[in-house]
Protein backbone atom coordinates (compact mmCIF):
# COMPACT_ATOMS: atom_id res chain seq x y z
CA MET A 1 -0.09 -0.02 -0.04
CA LYS A 2 1.06 3.68 -0.61
CA LEU A 3 1.23 6.50 1.99
CA SER A 4 -1.39 8.40 -0.17
CA ASP A 5 -3.98 5.67 0.55
CA PHE A 6 -4.12 6.80 4.15
CA ASN A 7 -4.87 10.31 3.45
CA TYR A 8 -8.39 11.74 4.58
CA ASN A 9 -9.55 15.31 5.30
CA LEU A 10 -9.50 16.01 9.16
CA PRO A 11 -11.15 19.27 10.03
CA LYS A 12 -9.45 21.17 12.71
CA THR A 13 -12.68 21.34 14.65
CA ALA A 14 -12.73 17.30 15.03
CA ILE A 15 -9.41 17.61 16.77
CA ALA A 16 -10.04 17.39 20.67
CA LYS A 17 -8.24 20.05 22.74
CA PHE A 18 -9.46 18.68 26.06
CA PRO A 19 -10.49 15.21 27.34
CA VAL A 20 -14.10 14.15 28.20
CA ASN A 21 -14.75 13.98 32.05
CA PRO A 22 -15.13 11.34 33.33
CA ARG A 23 -12.81 9.58 31.03
CA ASP A 24 -15.03 6.40 30.36
CA LYS A 25 -17.91 8.65 28.99
CA ALA A 26 -15.91 9.11 25.64
CA LYS A 27 -17.71 7.92 22.57
CA MET A 28 -16.70 4.44 21.20
CA LEU A 29 -16.95 3.46 17.68
CA VAL A 30 -17.14 -0.59 17.57
CA LEU A 31 -15.98 -2.03 14.19
CA ASP A 32 -16.50 -5.67 13.35
CA ARG A 33 -13.59 -6.42 11.17
CA LYS A 34 -14.92 -9.54 9.73
CA THR A 35 -18.34 -7.87 8.66
CA GLY A 36 -17.40 -4.28 8.54
CA GLU A 37 -20.50 -3.43 10.78
CA ILE A 38 -20.25 -0.46 12.95
CA GLU A 39 -21.94 0.19 16.46
CA HIS A 40 -21.88 3.66 18.24
CA LYS A 41 -21.31 3.23 22.14
CA ILE A 42 -19.98 4.80 25.12
CA PHE A 43 -16.48 3.57 26.25
CA SER A 44 -17.58 2.07 29.49
CA ASP A 45 -19.66 -0.20 27.35
CA ILE A 46 -16.35 -2.01 26.39
CA ILE A 47 -17.06 -4.32 29.36
CA ASP A 48 -19.91 -5.87 27.34
CA TYR A 49 -17.49 -7.07 24.86
CA MET A 50 -15.34 -8.96 27.21
CA ASN A 51 -15.78 -12.40 28.64
CA LYS A 52 -14.53 -14.40 31.75
CA GLY A 53 -11.03 -15.71 30.74
CA ASP A 54 -10.00 -12.89 28.43
CA VAL A 55 -7.01 -10.77 29.06
CA LEU A 56 -6.53 -6.95 28.79
CA VAL A 57 -2.86 -5.79 27.90
CA VAL A 58 -1.91 -2.31 28.91
CA ASN A 59 0.95 -0.03 28.53
CA GLU A 60 2.58 1.07 31.93
CA SER A 61 4.75 3.82 30.50
CA LYS A 62 4.46 7.04 32.18
CA VAL A 63 4.58 10.48 30.40
CA MET A 64 7.60 12.49 31.50
CA GLN A 65 6.89 16.47 32.09
CA ALA A 66 9.33 16.46 29.19
CA ARG A 67 9.20 20.35 28.43
CA LEU A 68 11.92 22.05 30.34
CA PHE A 69 12.49 25.93 30.18
CA GLY A 70 15.81 27.30 30.94
CA LYS A 71 18.35 30.17 30.58
CA LYS A 72 21.79 29.92 29.04
CA GLU A 73 24.85 30.59 31.13
CA ARG A 74 26.13 34.34 30.76
CA THR A 75 23.87 35.45 28.22
CA ASN A 76 20.47 34.32 29.80
CA ALA A 77 19.06 33.59 26.36
CA LYS A 78 15.63 31.62 26.93
CA ILE A 79 16.19 27.99 25.72
CA GLU A 80 13.57 25.24 25.83
CA VAL A 81 14.86 21.69 26.28
CA PHE A 82 12.49 18.76 25.46
CA VAL A 83 13.91 15.65 27.20
CA LEU A 84 13.69 12.46 25.12
CA ARG A 85 15.38 9.74 26.86
CA GLU A 86 17.94 8.70 29.51
CA LEU A 87 21.23 7.32 28.02
CA ASN A 88 23.27 6.89 31.06
CA LYS A 89 21.68 6.91 34.61
CA GLU A 90 25.00 6.98 36.67
CA ASP A 91 26.46 9.89 34.72
CA LYS A 92 22.94 11.61 34.12
CA ILE A 93 23.44 11.84 30.37
CA TRP A 94 20.23 12.19 28.33
CA ASP A 95 19.22 12.90 24.64
CA VAL A 96 17.33 16.21 24.35
CA ILE A 97 16.12 18.61 21.70
CA VAL A 98 16.85 22.29 22.19
CA ASP A 99 14.98 25.24 20.65
CA PRO A 100 16.32 27.83 19.40
CA ALA A 101 19.05 25.17 18.32
CA ARG A 102 21.23 27.75 16.86
CA LYS A 103 22.08 29.19 20.23
CA VAL A 104 23.08 26.13 21.74
CA ARG A 105 26.69 24.55 21.25
CA ILE A 106 28.80 21.97 22.76
CA GLY A 107 30.21 23.36 26.20
CA ASN A 108 27.14 25.61 26.80
CA ARG A 109 25.36 25.29 30.21
CA ILE A 110 21.81 25.86 30.58
CA TYR A 111 20.07 26.51 33.87
CA PHE A 112 16.48 25.57 34.97
CA SER A 113 16.61 26.28 38.62
CA ASP A 114 19.21 26.78 41.40
CA ASN A 115 19.57 22.90 41.69
CA LEU A 116 19.15 22.00 38.26
CA TRP A 117 21.32 22.77 35.01
CA CYS A 118 22.76 20.64 32.25
CA GLU A 119 25.81 21.05 29.86
CA VAL A 120 25.77 20.07 26.27
CA ILE A 121 28.32 17.54 25.65
CA ASP A 122 27.44 16.40 22.02
CA ASN A 123 25.24 17.55 18.83
CA THR A 124 23.27 14.66 17.50
CA THR A 125 21.06 16.34 14.86
CA SER A 126 20.22 19.87 13.87
CA ARG A 127 18.04 20.39 16.85
CA GLY A 128 19.27 17.37 19.02
CA ARG A 129 21.97 17.40 21.58
CA THR A 130 23.32 15.09 24.28
CA VAL A 131 23.58 16.81 27.56
CA ARG A 132 24.92 15.93 31.08
CA PHE A 133 22.93 17.15 34.11
CA ASN A 134 24.57 18.12 37.19
CA GLU A 135 25.35 15.71 39.96
CA GLU A 136 23.66 17.55 42.64
CA ALA A 137 20.32 17.29 40.82
CA GLY A 138 19.70 13.86 42.23
CA ASP A 139 17.10 11.75 40.47
CA ILE A 140 16.64 13.35 37.10
CA PHE A 141 13.10 12.02 36.47
CA GLN A 142 12.10 13.51 39.82
CA ALA A 143 13.59 16.84 38.96
CA ILE A 144 11.78 16.83 35.66
CA GLU A 145 8.64 15.88 37.30
CA LYS A 146 8.65 18.95 39.47
CA ILE A 147 9.67 21.69 37.10
CA GLY A 148 8.78 20.13 33.72
CA THR A 149 5.69 20.90 31.51
CA THR A 150 3.33 18.43 29.92
CA PRO A 151 4.47 17.55 26.41
CA LEU A 152 1.05 17.90 24.67
CA PRO A 153 1.16 16.88 21.15
CA PRO A 154 1.77 19.68 18.57
CA TYR A 155 -1.58 19.36 17.00
CA ILE A 156 -3.22 20.42 20.26
CA LYS A 157 -3.00 24.20 19.54
CA ARG A 158 -2.89 25.51 23.24
CA GLU A 159 -0.31 25.80 26.19
CA PRO A 160 -0.69 23.09 28.74
CA VAL A 161 -2.79 23.68 31.67
CA PRO A 162 -2.20 22.33 35.32
CA GLU A 163 -4.96 19.64 34.85
CA ASP A 164 -2.90 18.18 31.75
CA ARG A 165 -0.49 16.71 34.30
CA GLU A 166 -3.15 14.12 35.34
CA ASN A 167 -5.21 14.21 32.14
CA TYR A 168 -2.49 13.38 29.86
CA GLN A 169 -1.65 10.33 31.88
CA THR A 170 -3.19 6.89 31.92
CA ILE A 171 -4.34 5.42 35.31
CA PHE A 172 -1.73 2.49 34.53
CA ALA A 173 1.23 4.91 34.29
CA LYS A 174 4.21 3.67 36.52
CA VAL A 175 7.37 3.82 34.81
CA ASP A 176 8.86 7.06 33.48
CA GLY A 177 9.95 7.15 29.79
CA SER A 178 7.44 8.39 27.41
CA VAL A 179 7.05 11.74 25.72
CA ALA A 180 3.51 11.14 24.49
CA ALA A 181 0.64 9.24 26.08
CA PRO A 182 -0.46 5.78 25.00
CA THR A 183 -3.67 7.53 24.26
CA ALA A 184 -5.93 4.47 24.12
CA GLY A 185 -5.44 3.97 27.92
CA LEU A 186 -6.60 7.49 28.60
CA HIS A 187 -10.22 6.27 28.42
CA PHE A 188 -9.85 3.77 31.44
CA THR A 189 -10.94 4.71 34.98
CA PRO A 190 -10.22 2.73 38.32
CA GLN A 191 -14.02 1.90 38.56
CA LEU A 192 -14.03 0.59 35.11
CA ILE A 193 -11.04 -1.56 35.68
CA LYS A 194 -12.53 -2.92 38.83
CA LYS A 195 -15.58 -3.87 37.02
CA ILE A 196 -13.53 -5.57 34.26
CA GLN A 197 -11.54 -7.63 36.72
CA LYS A 198 -14.73 -8.53 38.81
CA LYS A 199 -15.97 -10.23 35.54
CA GLY A 200 -13.00 -12.41 35.32
CA ILE A 201 -10.74 -10.59 32.95
CA LYS A 202 -7.20 -10.40 33.82
CA VAL A 203 -5.36 -7.01 33.36
CA VAL A 204 -1.51 -7.60 32.75
CA PRO A 205 1.01 -4.83 31.85
CA VAL A 206 3.83 -4.25 29.29
CA ILE A 207 5.93 -1.12 28.82
CA LEU A 208 6.76 0.71 25.54
CA HIS A 209 8.17 4.03 26.12
CA ILE A 210 6.70 6.51 23.20
CA GLY A 211 9.20 8.59 21.62
CA LEU A 212 8.68 11.71 19.53
CA GLY A 213 8.73 9.32 16.25
CA THR A 214 5.04 8.83 16.87
CA PHE A 215 4.47 12.35 15.47
CA ARG A 216 7.21 12.09 12.61
CA PRO A 217 5.44 12.26 9.21
CA VAL A 218 6.00 9.36 6.76
CA GLU A 219 7.94 10.93 3.87
CA VAL A 220 8.07 8.02 1.53
CA GLU A 221 5.20 7.02 -0.81
CA ASP A 222 6.50 3.48 -0.68
CA LEU A 223 5.76 2.27 2.69
CA THR A 224 8.14 -0.42 2.59
CA LYS A 225 10.92 2.10 2.75
CA HIS A 226 9.85 3.94 5.76
CA ARG A 227 11.89 3.22 8.96
CA MET A 228 10.39 3.75 12.61
CA ASP A 229 12.36 5.16 15.32
CA SER A 230 13.34 2.56 17.85
CA GLU A 231 11.53 2.52 21.35
CA TYR A 232 12.23 0.60 24.45
CA PHE A 233 9.87 -2.08 25.34
CA GLU A 234 9.42 -4.70 28.22
CA ILE A 235 7.28 -7.70 28.31
CA PRO A 236 7.14 -9.24 31.93
CA GLU A 237 7.09 -13.25 32.27
CA GLU A 238 3.81 -13.09 34.06
CA THR A 239 2.34 -11.14 31.24
CA ALA A 240 3.42 -13.34 28.66
CA GLU A 241 2.18 -16.63 30.66
CA ALA A 242 -1.37 -14.89 31.02
CA ILE A 243 -1.43 -13.91 27.36
CA ASN A 244 -0.36 -17.34 26.18
CA LYS A 245 -2.80 -19.19 28.50
CA THR A 246 -5.70 -17.04 27.12
CA LEU A 247 -4.46 -17.88 23.58
CA SER A 248 -4.20 -21.52 24.40
CA GLU A 249 -7.76 -21.57 25.47
CA LYS A 250 -9.10 -19.64 22.53
CA LYS A 251 -10.07 -16.69 24.55
CA ASN A 252 -9.57 -13.01 23.50
CA VAL A 253 -6.60 -10.83 23.99
CA PHE A 254 -7.66 -7.25 24.13
CA VAL A 255 -4.64 -5.04 23.59
CA VAL A 256 -4.80 -1.27 24.63
CA GLY A 257 -3.25 0.81 21.71
CA THR A 258 -0.77 0.88 18.94
CA SER A 259 2.21 1.00 21.34
CA THR A 260 1.17 -2.05 23.36
CA THR A 261 0.45 -3.89 20.10
CA ARG A 262 3.85 -3.10 18.66
CA ALA A 263 5.40 -4.48 21.84
CA LEU A 264 3.61 -7.56 21.65
CA GLU A 265 3.93 -8.29 17.89
CA SER A 266 7.78 -7.58 18.36
CA SER A 267 8.09 -10.65 20.49
CA VAL A 268 6.36 -13.66 18.90
CA THR A 269 7.63 -17.28 19.03
CA ALA A 270 7.53 -19.52 15.95
CA GLU A 271 4.20 -21.33 17.43
CA GLY A 272 2.46 -17.91 17.55
CA PHE A 273 2.75 -17.04 21.30
CA VAL A 274 4.29 -14.12 22.94
CA LYS A 275 7.71 -14.62 24.72
CA PRO A 276 9.07 -12.52 27.74
CA ASN A 277 11.30 -10.00 26.41
CA PHE A 278 12.97 -6.47 26.75
CA GLY A 279 14.99 -4.33 24.35
CA TRP A 280 14.31 -2.01 21.36
CA THR A 281 11.73 -2.31 18.57
CA ASP A 282 11.29 -0.35 15.27
CA LYS A 283 8.42 -2.59 14.16
CA PHE A 284 6.36 -0.91 11.40
CA ILE A 285 2.84 -2.49 11.03
CA PHE A 286 0.90 -1.67 7.95
CA PRO A 287 -1.41 -3.53 5.61
CA PRO A 288 -1.23 -6.45 4.94
CA TYR A 289 0.09 -7.91 8.35
CA ASP A 290 -0.91 -11.21 10.14
CA PHE A 291 -1.41 -10.39 13.67
CA LYS A 292 -0.34 -13.25 15.98
CA ILE A 293 -1.23 -12.03 19.49
CA VAL A 294 -3.68 -9.34 19.29
CA LYS A 295 -7.46 -10.36 19.08
CA LYS A 296 -9.28 -7.19 19.77
CA LEU A 297 -7.72 -3.72 19.52
CA ILE A 298 -8.62 -0.63 21.63
CA THR A 299 -7.23 2.55 20.00
CA ASN A 300 -8.19 6.21 19.07
CA PHE A 301 -8.72 8.00 15.90
CA HIS A 302 -5.45 8.73 14.34
CA ALA A 303 -4.05 11.44 11.99
CA PRO A 304 -4.08 11.16 8.39
CA GLU A 305 -0.88 9.43 6.92
CA SER A 306 0.25 8.43 10.49
CA THR A 307 1.93 5.05 11.28
CA LEU A 308 -0.74 4.63 13.89
CA LEU A 309 -3.63 4.65 11.37
CA MET A 310 -1.81 2.21 9.25
CA LEU A 311 -1.64 -0.07 11.98
CA ALA A 312 -5.31 0.19 12.93
CA ALA A 313 -6.17 -0.44 9.25
CA ALA A 314 -3.83 -3.35 9.08
CA PHE A 315 -5.76 -4.99 12.10
CA GLY A 316 -9.38 -3.93 11.03
CA GLY A 317 -8.79 -4.02 7.18
CA TYR A 318 -8.19 -1.00 5.16
CA GLU A 319 -11.56 -0.58 3.86
CA ASN A 320 -13.31 -1.12 6.82
CA VAL A 321 -11.17 1.37 8.91
CA MET A 322 -11.36 4.15 6.29
CA LYS A 323 -15.00 3.70 6.04
CA ALA A 324 -15.39 3.82 9.87
CA TYR A 325 -13.29 7.18 10.07
CA LYS A 326 -15.57 8.71 7.54
CA LYS A 327 -18.51 7.68 9.51
CA ALA A 328 -17.03 8.96 12.81
CA LEU A 329 -16.41 12.21 11.37
CA LYS A 330 -19.92 12.41 10.08
CA GLU A 331 -21.23 11.58 13.55
CA GLY A 332 -19.15 14.02 15.38
CA TYR A 333 -16.48 11.84 17.06
CA ARG A 334 -13.58 13.65 18.45
CA PHE A 335 -10.04 12.62 16.92
CA LEU A 336 -6.44 12.27 18.14
CA SER A 337 -4.83 12.08 21.54
CA TYR A 338 -7.77 13.48 23.64
CA GLY A 339 -10.43 12.38 21.26
CA ASP A 340 -12.86 9.38 21.20
CA ALA A 341 -12.13 5.69 21.04
CA MET A 342 -12.39 2.90 18.65
CA LEU A 343 -12.77 -0.89 19.48
CA ILE A 344 -12.11 -3.26 16.60
CA ILE A 345 -13.37 -6.80 17.15
């Protein structure tokens, strides 16, 4: 398939700027991938599609407060530092993006507070830098959490508000590392999860830390030539055991989001089961693709020509998904990170 096959007109008015409150009252389009039939539901209705013995797989990655605003040593020039990932915990070395990049060179120090500053030790790309944080800063994740700002996606055309710290974080978030939320998980509430567990559905975690590549445009018409950014993932042994038991018993594996999907489909045995694993994946899923682990997919409505839309189309069937998107726009569904949900069964 070609890049242009995944283009569609997304009006700015359809892009959600704020989430629904409570989260589980978002609208949910249900698509049957075998028949192409569409139902319109509320997200909390998802429990009606689950049965005892099924498993729900969630991403425990936590969004870092990744936007830091500092001043350059001596000149006091204002610099934004967007932290991407930790490279070396002991030496406090991180990959970051700086803006304006022209003002930031190797050897420069950027001060964020009395206790936190970083020194640029390498250039990686035009805007990318490698920095070393100061020894006295302590745990850098904790320092970022205190002074950083929520990294809302670029298509949400507003500044973050204090509520975004909670709103742009799933209830499953435990392990720091993402610069974007695993948005399908944003619809769950603790109350809904309790009901799901009470029905006999096991909730199990994986981790995939989402990087800025999730927003990077695909720039080649031939999809086989596109390369995804690598992202770190972990599949615990208990999670793999629970999923494989469910698969063996011919029950359903409900997977929350494209990030969780990519983690699971990156670690498949020859027999079609998932294996415990950790490492980096640059797996790019687009039609046609034979899913081994995922049986039901919970996702959001994604941007035109995005790799996220391509994965959804690979799972639900290209014609089905594009028709569902057209229907969703007509019915007033809210799109992208803070938008409504889609369940593909």
